[in-house]
C-alpha atoms as a PDB file:
ATOM      1  CA  MET A   1      -9.844  18.006   5.858  1.00  0.00           C
ATOM      2  CA  PHE A   2      -8.433  15.526   8.402  1.00  0.00           C
ATOM      3  CA  GLY A   3     -11.662  15.611  10.379  1.00  0.00           C
ATOM      4  CA  LEU A   4     -11.191  19.271  11.325  1.00  0.00           C
ATOM      5  CA  GLY A   5     -14.116  21.655  11.237  1.00  0.00           C
ATOM      6  CA  TRP A   6     -14.003  25.419  10.753  1.00  0.00           C
ATOM      7  CA  PRO A   7     -13.855  26.171  14.491  1.00  0.00           C
ATOM      8  CA  GLU A   8     -10.745  23.993  14.871  1.00  0.00           C
ATOM      9  CA  VAL A   9      -9.076  25.559  11.818  1.00  0.00           C
ATOM     10  CA  LEU A  10      -9.758  29.067  13.141  1.00  0.00           C
ATOM     11  CA  LEU A  11      -8.363  28.108  16.549  1.00  0.00           C
ATOM     12  CA  ILE A  12      -5.185  26.737  14.934  1.00  0.00           C
ATOM     13  CA  LEU A  13      -4.789  29.950  12.889  1.00  0.00           C
ATOM     14  CA  LEU A  14      -5.308  32.100  15.980  1.00  0.00           C
ATOM     15  CA  VAL A  15      -2.680  30.150  17.929  1.00  0.00           C
ATOM     16  CA  ALA A  16      -0.257  30.366  14.976  1.00  0.00           C
ATOM     17  CA  ILE A  17      -0.744  34.136  14.771  1.00  0.00           C
ATOM     18  CA  LEU A  18      -0.132  34.472  18.511  1.00  0.00           C
ATOM     19  CA  ILE A  19       3.018  32.333  18.386  1.00  0.00           C
ATOM     20  CA  PHE A  20       4.655  33.532  15.146  1.00  0.00           C
ATOM     21  CA  GLY A  21       3.066  36.933  14.596  1.00  0.00           C
ATOM     22  CA  PRO A  22       1.195  38.188  11.544  1.00  0.00           C
ATOM     23  CA  LYS A  23       4.367  39.230   9.673  1.00  0.00           C
ATOM     24  CA  LYS A  24       6.022  35.807   9.820  1.00  0.00           C
ATOM     25  CA  LEU A  25       2.879  33.775   9.048  1.00  0.00           C
ATOM     26  CA  PRO A  26       2.924  34.214   5.205  1.00  0.00           C
ATOM     27  CA  GLN A  27       6.544  33.036   5.069  1.00  0.00           C
ATOM     28  CA  LEU A  28       5.696  29.964   7.123  1.00  0.00           C
ATOM     29  CA  GLY A  29       2.695  29.226   4.908  1.00  0.00           C
ATOM     30  CA  GLY A  30       4.834  29.451   1.783  1.00  0.00           C
ATOM     31  CA  ALA A  31       7.468  27.141   3.242  1.00  0.00           C
ATOM     32  CA  LEU A  32       4.803  24.659   4.300  1.00  0.00           C
ATOM     33  CA  GLY A  33       3.260  24.747   0.814  1.00  0.00           C
ATOM     34  CA  LYS A  34       6.626  24.102  -0.861  1.00  0.00           C
ATOM     35  CA  THR A  35       7.315  21.221   1.509  1.00  0.00           C
ATOM     36  CA  LEU A  36       3.931  19.594   0.900  1.00  0.00           C
ATOM     37  CA  ARG A  37       4.304  20.084  -2.879  1.00  0.00           C
ATOM     38  CA  GLY A  38       7.714  18.372  -2.721  1.00  0.00           C
ATOM     39  CA  PHE A  39       6.248  15.406  -0.845  1.00  0.00           C
ATOM     40  CA  ARG A  40       3.383  15.147  -3.329  1.00  0.00           C
ATOM     41  CA  ASP A  41       5.773  15.272  -6.282  1.00  0.00           C
ATOM     42  CA  GLU A  42       7.881  12.489  -4.796  1.00  0.00           C
ATOM     43  CA  LEU A  43       4.846  10.295  -4.148  1.00  0.00           C
ATOM     44  CA  ASN A  44       3.321  10.876  -7.604  1.00  0.00           C
ATOM     45  CA  PRO A  45       6.040  10.551 -10.267  1.00  0.00           C
ATOM     46  CA  ASP A  46       5.687  12.758 -13.315  1.00  0.00           C
ATOM     47  CA  GLU A  47       4.528  11.258 -16.598  1.00  0.00           C
ATOM     48  CA  LYS A  48       7.863  12.206 -18.139  1.00  0.00           C
ATOM     49  CA  ASP A  49       9.558   9.832 -15.696  1.00  0.00           C
ATOM     50  CA  LEU A  50       7.293   7.006 -16.850  1.00  0.00           C
ATOM     51  CA  ASP A  51       8.202   7.576 -20.519  1.00  0.00           C
ATOM     52  CA  ARG A  52      11.892   6.914 -19.931  1.00  0.00           C
ATOM     53  CA  PRO A  53      13.091   3.520 -21.097  1.00  0.00           C
ATOM     54  CA  ALA A  54      14.234   1.164 -18.403  1.00  0.00           C
ATOM     55  CA  GLY A  55      17.840   0.128 -18.251  1.00  0.00           C
ATOM     56  CA  PRO A  56      21.189   1.569 -17.296  1.00  0.00           C
ATOM     57  CA  PRO A  57      22.319   4.599 -19.300  1.00  0.00           C
ATOM     58  CA  ASP A  58      25.666   4.536 -21.056  1.00  0.00           C
ATOM     59  CA  VAL A  59      28.186   7.391 -20.945  1.00  0.00           C
ATOM     60  CA  ASP A  60      26.236   9.541 -23.449  1.00  0.00           C
ATOM     61  CA  GLY A  61      22.980   9.181 -21.511  1.00  0.00           C
ATOM     62  CA  GLU A  62      21.456   6.725 -23.975  1.00  0.00           C
ATOM     63  CA  VAL A  63      20.090   3.411 -22.839  1.00  0.00           C
ATOM     64  CA  ILE A  64      22.210   0.379 -23.658  1.00  0.00           C
ATOM     65  CA  LYS A  65      20.123  -2.301 -25.315  1.00  0.00           C
ATOM     66  CA  GLY A  66      21.184  -5.807 -24.471  1.00  0.00           C
ATOM     67  CA  ASP A  67      21.615  -8.263 -27.332  1.00  0.00           C
ATOM     68  CA  ARG A  68      20.647 -11.752 -26.234  1.00  0.00           C
ATOM     69  CA  SER A  69      21.811 -14.052 -29.004  1.00  0.00           C
END
């Protein structure tokens, strides 16, 4: 976990509790979790995104297939 041991993690939690207070800490943890999840989702595209055909969509949302004759 980023080279942090349990003593360092406990120290960080103690400092966070002293700075933000115990009532605000769950809200901050939730916001941090949502932010990290958003970053992870952007870095790892969903499989549904990989199944889409490549190419520009037309007005109806369907992919225009080029005819090279």
